[in-house]
Amino acid sequence: MSQYELSADDLSFVLVNNKNELIGVLRYMLSAFLYGAISTMPALFISSFCKNPYLITCVPFMVTYMWQIAVQKLIANSMMKEDFDRASILENFYPNSIMNLSYYTAFADTKYILFFNFGIILLSVIGFIVIMNMRPDKGV
């Protein structure tokens, strides 16, 4: 169990800018839960039209990887053009951007992150419902 004990220095990385440690831990746990919930949405959508468990499991990871590389390329292009405002906005669209809610972020950044991730949830659920209702077997 000693390998799981965190020193005060290690814990300070998790609890950045939080005076109350409990609130910091709860924000970190909430952001981890949201990341897990949002990352399962593409698999839910794919399961509406595909029964192959390997595709349902692997395709979301492949799409997430391509998405991350695309955002990195867009940020690199913005940095080369010295458009730092655009680059800072694009950082909010990484696949794991929802994990940044546990740290101090500006309201605009939090707004971009939440709208984008809840948009993914909404599109995935609507797509799942529409496709399942169009299927004659209703997914059974």
N, C-alpha and C. Protein backbone atom coordinates (compact mmCIF):
# COMPACT_ATOMS: atom_id res chain seq x y z
N MET A 1 0.81 -1.19 0.00
CA MET A 1 0.00 0.00 0.00
C MET A 1 0.86 1.27 0.00
N SER A 2 2.12 1.14 0.38
CA SER A 2 2.95 2.34 0.47
C SER A 2 3.18 2.97 -0.90
N GLN A 3 3.06 2.20 -1.96
CA GLN A 3 3.25 2.77 -3.29
C GLN A 3 2.11 3.68 -3.70
N TYR A 4 0.98 3.64 -3.02
CA TYR A 4 -0.16 4.49 -3.34
C TYR A 4 -0.22 5.75 -2.51
N GLU A 5 0.67 5.90 -1.54
CA GLU A 5 0.67 7.11 -0.73
C GLU A 5 1.28 8.25 -1.54
N LEU A 6 0.61 9.40 -1.51
CA LEU A 6 1.09 10.57 -2.22
C LEU A 6 1.70 11.55 -1.24
N SER A 7 2.83 12.09 -1.66
CA SER A 7 3.43 13.15 -0.84
C SER A 7 2.65 14.44 -1.08
N ALA A 8 2.89 15.43 -0.26
CA ALA A 8 2.22 16.72 -0.41
C ALA A 8 2.59 17.36 -1.75
N ASP A 9 3.82 17.16 -2.21
CA ASP A 9 4.24 17.73 -3.50
C ASP A 9 3.49 17.08 -4.67
N ASP A 10 3.36 15.74 -4.62
CA ASP A 10 2.63 15.05 -5.68
C ASP A 10 1.16 15.43 -5.68
N LEU A 11 0.59 15.56 -4.51
CA LEU A 11 -0.82 15.93 -4.40
C LEU A 11 -1.07 17.35 -4.87
N SER A 12 -0.08 18.21 -4.76
CA SER A 12 -0.25 19.60 -5.19
C SER A 12 -0.44 19.70 -6.70
N PHE A 13 0.06 18.71 -7.47
CA PHE A 13 -0.18 18.72 -8.91
C PHE A 13 -1.64 18.45 -9.24
N VAL A 14 -2.28 17.63 -8.43
CA VAL A 14 -3.70 17.32 -8.62
C VAL A 14 -4.56 18.47 -8.15
N LEU A 15 -4.15 19.12 -7.09
CA LEU A 15 -4.96 20.16 -6.46
C LEU A 15 -4.45 21.55 -6.80
N VAL A 16 -4.24 21.81 -8.07
CA VAL A 16 -3.71 23.09 -8.50
C VAL A 16 -4.71 24.20 -8.19
N ASN A 17 -4.24 25.24 -7.54
CA ASN A 17 -5.02 26.45 -7.22
C ASN A 17 -6.28 26.17 -6.41
N ASN A 18 -6.32 25.14 -5.64
CA ASN A 18 -7.47 24.87 -4.79
C ASN A 18 -7.06 25.00 -3.34
N LYS A 19 -7.74 25.86 -2.63
CA LYS A 19 -7.44 26.04 -1.21
C LYS A 19 -8.07 24.93 -0.39
N ASN A 20 -9.19 24.44 -0.83
CA ASN A 20 -9.87 23.36 -0.13
C ASN A 20 -9.55 22.05 -0.85
N GLU A 21 -8.86 21.15 -0.20
CA GLU A 21 -8.42 19.92 -0.84
C GLU A 21 -9.59 19.04 -1.26
N LEU A 22 -10.65 19.02 -0.45
CA LEU A 22 -11.81 18.19 -0.77
C LEU A 22 -12.46 18.65 -2.07
N ILE A 23 -12.60 19.95 -2.25
CA ILE A 23 -13.19 20.47 -3.49
C ILE A 23 -12.30 20.13 -4.68
N GLY A 24 -10.99 20.21 -4.50
CA GLY A 24 -10.07 19.86 -5.57
C GLY A 24 -10.18 18.41 -5.98
N VAL A 25 -10.26 17.53 -4.99
CA VAL A 25 -10.40 16.10 -5.28
C VAL A 25 -11.74 15.81 -5.96
N LEU A 26 -12.81 16.45 -5.48
CA LEU A 26 -14.13 16.24 -6.09
C LEU A 26 -14.17 16.76 -7.52
N ARG A 27 -13.54 17.91 -7.79
CA ARG A 27 -13.48 18.42 -9.17
C ARG A 27 -12.69 17.47 -10.06
N TYR A 28 -11.61 16.92 -9.53
CA TYR A 28 -10.80 15.98 -10.30
C TYR A 28 -11.59 14.70 -10.59
N MET A 29 -12.31 14.20 -9.60
CA MET A 29 -13.12 12.99 -9.79
C MET A 29 -14.25 13.25 -10.78
N LEU A 30 -14.88 14.42 -10.70
CA LEU A 30 -15.95 14.76 -11.63
C LEU A 30 -15.43 14.85 -13.06
N SER A 31 -14.26 15.47 -13.24
CA SER A 31 -13.71 15.57 -14.59
C SER A 31 -13.31 14.20 -15.13
N ALA A 32 -12.81 13.32 -14.27
CA ALA A 32 -12.47 11.95 -14.71
C ALA A 32 -13.74 11.18 -15.08
N PHE A 33 -14.81 11.35 -14.30
CA PHE A 33 -16.08 10.70 -14.62
C PHE A 33 -16.62 11.21 -15.95
N LEU A 34 -16.59 12.53 -16.15
CA LEU A 34 -17.09 13.10 -17.41
C LEU A 34 -16.28 12.62 -18.60
N TYR A 35 -14.96 12.52 -18.43
CA TYR A 35 -14.12 12.02 -19.52
C TYR A 35 -14.50 10.58 -19.87
N GLY A 36 -14.71 9.75 -18.87
CA GLY A 36 -15.12 8.37 -19.13
C GLY A 36 -16.49 8.29 -19.77
N ALA A 37 -17.42 9.13 -19.31
CA ALA A 37 -18.78 9.11 -19.86
C ALA A 37 -18.79 9.59 -21.31
N ILE A 38 -18.04 10.63 -21.59
CA ILE A 38 -18.02 11.17 -22.95
C ILE A 38 -17.26 10.26 -23.89
N SER A 39 -16.22 9.62 -23.41
CA SER A 39 -15.43 8.75 -24.30
C SER A 39 -16.18 7.48 -24.70
N THR A 40 -17.24 7.12 -23.99
CA THR A 40 -18.03 5.95 -24.38
C THR A 40 -19.12 6.27 -25.40
N MET A 41 -19.38 7.54 -25.64
CA MET A 41 -20.45 7.92 -26.55
C MET A 41 -20.24 7.43 -27.99
N PRO A 42 -19.03 7.53 -28.56
CA PRO A 42 -18.86 6.99 -29.92
C PRO A 42 -19.13 5.48 -30.00
N ALA A 43 -18.75 4.75 -28.96
CA ALA A 43 -19.03 3.30 -28.94
C ALA A 43 -20.53 3.05 -28.89
N LEU A 44 -21.26 3.86 -28.13
CA LEU A 44 -22.72 3.73 -28.09
C LEU A 44 -23.31 3.97 -29.47
N PHE A 45 -22.85 5.01 -30.14
CA PHE A 45 -23.35 5.32 -31.48
C PHE A 45 -23.05 4.19 -32.46
N ILE A 46 -21.82 3.69 -32.44
CA ILE A 46 -21.43 2.62 -33.37
C ILE A 46 -22.23 1.36 -33.09
N SER A 47 -22.56 1.10 -31.83
CA SER A 47 -23.32 -0.10 -31.50
C SER A 47 -24.75 -0.07 -32.05
N SER A 48 -25.22 1.09 -32.49
CA SER A 48 -26.57 1.16 -33.04
C SER A 48 -26.65 0.54 -34.43
N PHE A 49 -25.55 0.47 -35.15
CA PHE A 49 -25.59 -0.11 -36.49
C PHE A 49 -24.57 -1.21 -36.72
N CYS A 50 -23.77 -1.56 -35.73
CA CYS A 50 -22.74 -2.58 -35.88
C CYS A 50 -22.81 -3.54 -34.70
N LYS A 51 -22.72 -4.83 -35.00
CA LYS A 51 -22.76 -5.82 -33.92
C LYS A 51 -21.39 -6.42 -33.62
N ASN A 52 -20.38 -6.05 -34.39
CA ASN A 52 -19.04 -6.58 -34.20
C ASN A 52 -18.40 -5.92 -32.98
N PRO A 53 -18.15 -6.69 -31.90
CA PRO A 53 -17.60 -6.06 -30.69
C PRO A 53 -16.20 -5.49 -30.88
N TYR A 54 -15.43 -6.04 -31.81
CA TYR A 54 -14.08 -5.52 -32.04
C TYR A 54 -14.14 -4.15 -32.69
N LEU A 55 -15.04 -3.96 -33.62
CA LEU A 55 -15.19 -2.64 -34.23
C LEU A 55 -15.75 -1.62 -33.24
N ILE A 56 -16.71 -2.05 -32.44
CA ILE A 56 -17.30 -1.15 -31.45
C ILE A 56 -16.23 -0.69 -30.45
N THR A 57 -15.29 -1.57 -30.14
CA THR A 57 -14.24 -1.24 -29.18
C THR A 57 -13.11 -0.44 -29.81
N CYS A 58 -12.67 -0.82 -31.01
CA CYS A 58 -11.46 -0.25 -31.59
C CYS A 58 -11.68 1.05 -32.37
N VAL A 59 -12.78 1.17 -33.07
CA VAL A 59 -13.00 2.35 -33.92
C VAL A 59 -13.01 3.65 -33.10
N PRO A 60 -13.65 3.71 -31.93
CA PRO A 60 -13.57 4.97 -31.17
C PRO A 60 -12.15 5.37 -30.78
N PHE A 61 -11.29 4.40 -30.47
CA PHE A 61 -9.90 4.72 -30.15
C PHE A 61 -9.18 5.26 -31.38
N MET A 62 -9.47 4.67 -32.54
CA MET A 62 -8.84 5.14 -33.78
C MET A 62 -9.31 6.56 -34.10
N VAL A 63 -10.60 6.82 -33.96
CA VAL A 63 -11.14 8.15 -34.23
C VAL A 63 -10.57 9.17 -33.24
N THR A 64 -10.45 8.79 -31.98
CA THR A 64 -9.88 9.69 -30.97
C THR A 64 -8.43 10.01 -31.30
N TYR A 65 -7.68 9.04 -31.75
CA TYR A 65 -6.28 9.28 -32.13
C TYR A 65 -6.21 10.24 -33.32
N MET A 66 -7.03 10.00 -34.34
CA MET A 66 -7.03 10.88 -35.51
C MET A 66 -7.47 12.29 -35.13
N TRP A 67 -8.44 12.39 -34.25
CA TRP A 67 -8.93 13.69 -33.77
C TRP A 67 -7.81 14.44 -33.04
N GLN A 68 -7.08 13.74 -32.18
CA GLN A 68 -6.00 14.38 -31.44
C GLN A 68 -4.89 14.85 -32.38
N ILE A 69 -4.54 14.06 -33.37
CA ILE A 69 -3.51 14.44 -34.32
C ILE A 69 -3.97 15.64 -35.15
N ALA A 70 -5.25 15.67 -35.54
CA ALA A 70 -5.77 16.80 -36.32
C ALA A 70 -5.70 18.09 -35.50
N VAL A 71 -6.07 18.03 -34.22
CA VAL A 71 -6.02 19.23 -33.37
C VAL A 71 -4.57 19.67 -33.20
N GLN A 72 -3.64 18.71 -33.03
CA GLN A 72 -2.23 19.06 -32.90
C GLN A 72 -1.72 19.77 -34.15
N LYS A 73 -2.11 19.28 -35.32
CA LYS A 73 -1.68 19.90 -36.58
C LYS A 73 -2.25 21.30 -36.72
N LEU A 74 -3.53 21.48 -36.35
CA LEU A 74 -4.14 22.81 -36.42
C LEU A 74 -3.46 23.78 -35.47
N ILE A 75 -3.12 23.32 -34.28
CA ILE A 75 -2.42 24.18 -33.32
C ILE A 75 -1.02 24.52 -33.83
N ALA A 76 -0.33 23.53 -34.41
CA ALA A 76 1.02 23.78 -34.94
C ALA A 76 0.96 24.80 -36.08
N ASN A 77 -0.04 24.69 -36.95
CA ASN A 77 -0.18 25.66 -38.04
C ASN A 77 -0.48 27.05 -37.49
N SER A 78 -1.31 27.13 -36.47
CA SER A 78 -1.63 28.42 -35.86
C SER A 78 -0.40 29.03 -35.21
N MET A 79 0.40 28.20 -34.58
CA MET A 79 1.62 28.70 -33.93
C MET A 79 2.62 29.20 -34.97
N MET A 80 2.71 28.51 -36.10
CA MET A 80 3.63 28.95 -37.15
C MET A 80 3.19 30.28 -37.75
N LYS A 81 1.87 30.49 -37.81
CA LYS A 81 1.34 31.76 -38.32
C LYS A 81 1.26 32.82 -37.23
N GLU A 82 1.72 32.48 -36.03
CA GLU A 82 1.71 33.35 -34.87
C GLU A 82 0.31 33.83 -34.51
N ASP A 83 -0.66 32.96 -34.71
CA ASP A 83 -2.04 33.22 -34.32
C ASP A 83 -2.27 32.50 -32.99
N PHE A 84 -1.78 33.11 -31.90
CA PHE A 84 -1.79 32.45 -30.60
C PHE A 84 -3.19 32.39 -30.00
N ASP A 85 -4.05 33.33 -30.35
CA ASP A 85 -5.43 33.29 -29.84
C ASP A 85 -6.16 32.06 -30.38
N ARG A 86 -5.98 31.80 -31.66
CA ARG A 86 -6.61 30.62 -32.26
C ARG A 86 -6.04 29.34 -31.67
N ALA A 87 -4.75 29.32 -31.45
CA ALA A 87 -4.11 28.13 -30.88
C ALA A 87 -4.62 27.86 -29.47
N SER A 88 -4.81 28.90 -28.68
CA SER A 88 -5.30 28.68 -27.32
C SER A 88 -6.76 28.21 -27.33
N ILE A 89 -7.55 28.66 -28.28
CA ILE A 89 -8.93 28.17 -28.40
C ILE A 89 -8.94 26.72 -28.86
N LEU A 90 -8.07 26.38 -29.81
CA LEU A 90 -8.03 25.00 -30.31
C LEU A 90 -7.60 24.00 -29.25
N GLU A 91 -6.85 24.42 -28.26
CA GLU A 91 -6.44 23.50 -27.19
C GLU A 91 -7.63 22.96 -26.42
N ASN A 92 -8.74 23.66 -26.46
CA ASN A 92 -9.94 23.21 -25.75
C ASN A 92 -10.66 22.08 -26.48
N PHE A 93 -10.26 21.76 -27.70
CA PHE A 93 -10.94 20.75 -28.49
C PHE A 93 -10.18 19.43 -28.56
N TYR A 94 -9.22 19.23 -27.69
CA TYR A 94 -8.57 17.92 -27.58
C TYR A 94 -9.57 16.91 -27.04
N PRO A 95 -9.40 15.62 -27.37
CA PRO A 95 -10.33 14.62 -26.84
C PRO A 95 -10.38 14.57 -25.31
N ASN A 96 -9.27 14.86 -24.67
CA ASN A 96 -9.25 14.80 -23.20
C ASN A 96 -9.37 16.18 -22.57
N SER A 97 -9.92 17.14 -23.29
CA SER A 97 -10.03 18.50 -22.76
C SER A 97 -10.95 18.59 -21.55
N ILE A 98 -11.89 17.67 -21.44
CA ILE A 98 -12.80 17.68 -20.30
C ILE A 98 -12.04 17.44 -19.00
N MET A 99 -10.88 16.81 -19.07
CA MET A 99 -10.07 16.59 -17.87
C MET A 99 -9.48 17.90 -17.35
N ASN A 100 -9.42 18.93 -18.18
CA ASN A 100 -8.87 20.22 -17.76
C ASN A 100 -9.82 20.99 -16.86
N LEU A 101 -11.03 20.52 -16.68
CA LEU A 101 -11.97 21.22 -15.81
C LEU A 101 -11.56 21.14 -14.36
N SER A 102 -10.71 20.18 -14.02
CA SER A 102 -10.28 20.06 -12.63
C SER A 102 -9.25 21.13 -12.27
N TYR A 103 -8.66 21.75 -13.28
CA TYR A 103 -7.70 22.82 -13.04
C TYR A 103 -8.38 24.16 -13.23
N TYR A 104 -7.72 25.19 -12.86
CA TYR A 104 -8.28 26.52 -13.06
C TYR A 104 -8.24 26.85 -14.55
N THR A 105 -9.39 27.15 -15.11
CA THR A 105 -9.46 27.58 -16.50
C THR A 105 -10.32 28.82 -16.56
N ALA A 106 -10.11 29.61 -17.57
CA ALA A 106 -10.93 30.80 -17.75
C ALA A 106 -12.34 30.37 -18.12
N PHE A 107 -13.30 31.24 -17.88
CA PHE A 107 -14.69 30.91 -18.16
C PHE A 107 -14.90 30.60 -19.63
N ALA A 108 -14.24 31.34 -20.52
CA ALA A 108 -14.40 31.10 -21.95
C ALA A 108 -13.90 29.71 -22.32
N ASP A 109 -12.77 29.30 -21.74
CA ASP A 109 -12.24 27.97 -22.02
C ASP A 109 -13.21 26.90 -21.53
N THR A 110 -13.73 27.07 -20.34
CA THR A 110 -14.67 26.11 -19.78
C THR A 110 -15.92 26.04 -20.64
N LYS A 111 -16.38 27.17 -21.12
CA LYS A 111 -17.57 27.22 -21.98
C LYS A 111 -17.33 26.43 -23.27
N TYR A 112 -16.18 26.64 -23.92
CA TYR A 112 -15.86 25.90 -25.14
C TYR A 112 -15.81 24.40 -24.88
N ILE A 113 -15.14 24.02 -23.79
CA ILE A 113 -14.99 22.60 -23.47
C ILE A 113 -16.35 21.96 -23.22
N LEU A 114 -17.18 22.59 -22.41
CA LEU A 114 -18.49 22.01 -22.09
C LEU A 114 -19.41 21.95 -23.30
N PHE A 115 -19.49 23.02 -24.07
CA PHE A 115 -20.36 23.02 -25.25
C PHE A 115 -19.92 21.95 -26.25
N PHE A 116 -18.63 21.85 -26.47
CA PHE A 116 -18.13 20.87 -27.44
C PHE A 116 -18.41 19.44 -26.98
N ASN A 117 -18.11 19.14 -25.73
CA ASN A 117 -18.30 17.78 -25.25
C ASN A 117 -19.77 17.41 -25.11
N PHE A 118 -20.59 18.34 -24.67
CA PHE A 118 -22.02 18.03 -24.60
C PHE A 118 -22.64 17.96 -25.99
N GLY A 119 -22.05 18.64 -26.96
CA GLY A 119 -22.47 18.48 -28.35
C GLY A 119 -22.18 17.07 -28.85
N ILE A 120 -21.03 16.52 -28.47
CA ILE A 120 -20.71 15.14 -28.83
C ILE A 120 -21.72 14.18 -28.22
N ILE A 121 -22.05 14.41 -26.97
CA ILE A 121 -23.04 13.55 -26.29
C ILE A 121 -24.39 13.64 -27.00
N LEU A 122 -24.82 14.85 -27.28
CA LEU A 122 -26.13 15.05 -27.91
C LEU A 122 -26.18 14.40 -29.28
N LEU A 123 -25.16 14.61 -30.11
CA LEU A 123 -25.15 14.00 -31.45
C LEU A 123 -25.11 12.48 -31.38
N SER A 124 -24.34 11.94 -30.46
CA SER A 124 -24.25 10.48 -30.33
C SER A 124 -25.57 9.87 -29.89
N VAL A 125 -26.22 10.49 -28.91
CA VAL A 125 -27.50 9.96 -28.42
C VAL A 125 -28.59 10.10 -29.47
N ILE A 126 -28.65 11.25 -30.13
CA ILE A 126 -29.66 11.44 -31.19
C ILE A 126 -29.42 10.46 -32.33
N GLY A 127 -28.15 10.31 -32.73
CA GLY A 127 -27.84 9.35 -33.80
C GLY A 127 -28.20 7.93 -33.40
N PHE A 128 -27.92 7.56 -32.16
CA PHE A 128 -28.26 6.23 -31.67
C PHE A 128 -29.77 6.02 -31.71
N ILE A 129 -30.54 6.99 -31.21
CA ILE A 129 -32.00 6.86 -31.16
C ILE A 129 -32.58 6.79 -32.57
N VAL A 130 -32.11 7.64 -33.47
CA VAL A 130 -32.64 7.65 -34.84
C VAL A 130 -32.34 6.34 -35.53
N ILE A 131 -31.12 5.87 -35.45
CA ILE A 131 -30.75 4.62 -36.13
C ILE A 131 -31.49 3.44 -35.53
N MET A 132 -31.60 3.40 -34.20
CA MET A 132 -32.31 2.26 -33.58
C MET A 132 -33.78 2.26 -33.93
N ASN A 133 -34.39 3.43 -34.06
CA ASN A 133 -35.80 3.49 -34.45
C ASN A 133 -36.02 3.15 -35.91
N MET A 134 -35.01 3.32 -36.74
CA MET A 134 -35.11 2.98 -38.16
C MET A 134 -34.92 1.48 -38.40
N ARG A 135 -34.28 0.81 -37.49
CA ARG A 135 -34.03 -0.62 -37.66
C ARG A 135 -35.31 -1.42 -37.47
N PRO A 136 -35.56 -2.37 -38.34
CA PRO A 136 -36.77 -3.16 -38.18
C PRO A 136 -36.75 -4.08 -36.95
N ASP A 137 -35.55 -4.50 -36.54
CA ASP A 137 -35.44 -5.40 -35.38
C ASP A 137 -35.28 -4.63 -34.07
N LYS A 138 -35.15 -3.31 -34.13
CA LYS A 138 -34.98 -2.43 -32.97
C LYS A 138 -33.78 -2.83 -32.12
N GLY A 139 -32.75 -3.42 -32.75
CA GLY A 139 -31.52 -3.75 -32.06
C GLY A 139 -31.54 -5.06 -31.30
N VAL A 140 -32.57 -5.83 -31.44
CA VAL A 140 -32.66 -7.09 -30.69
C VAL A 140 -31.98 -8.20 -31.45
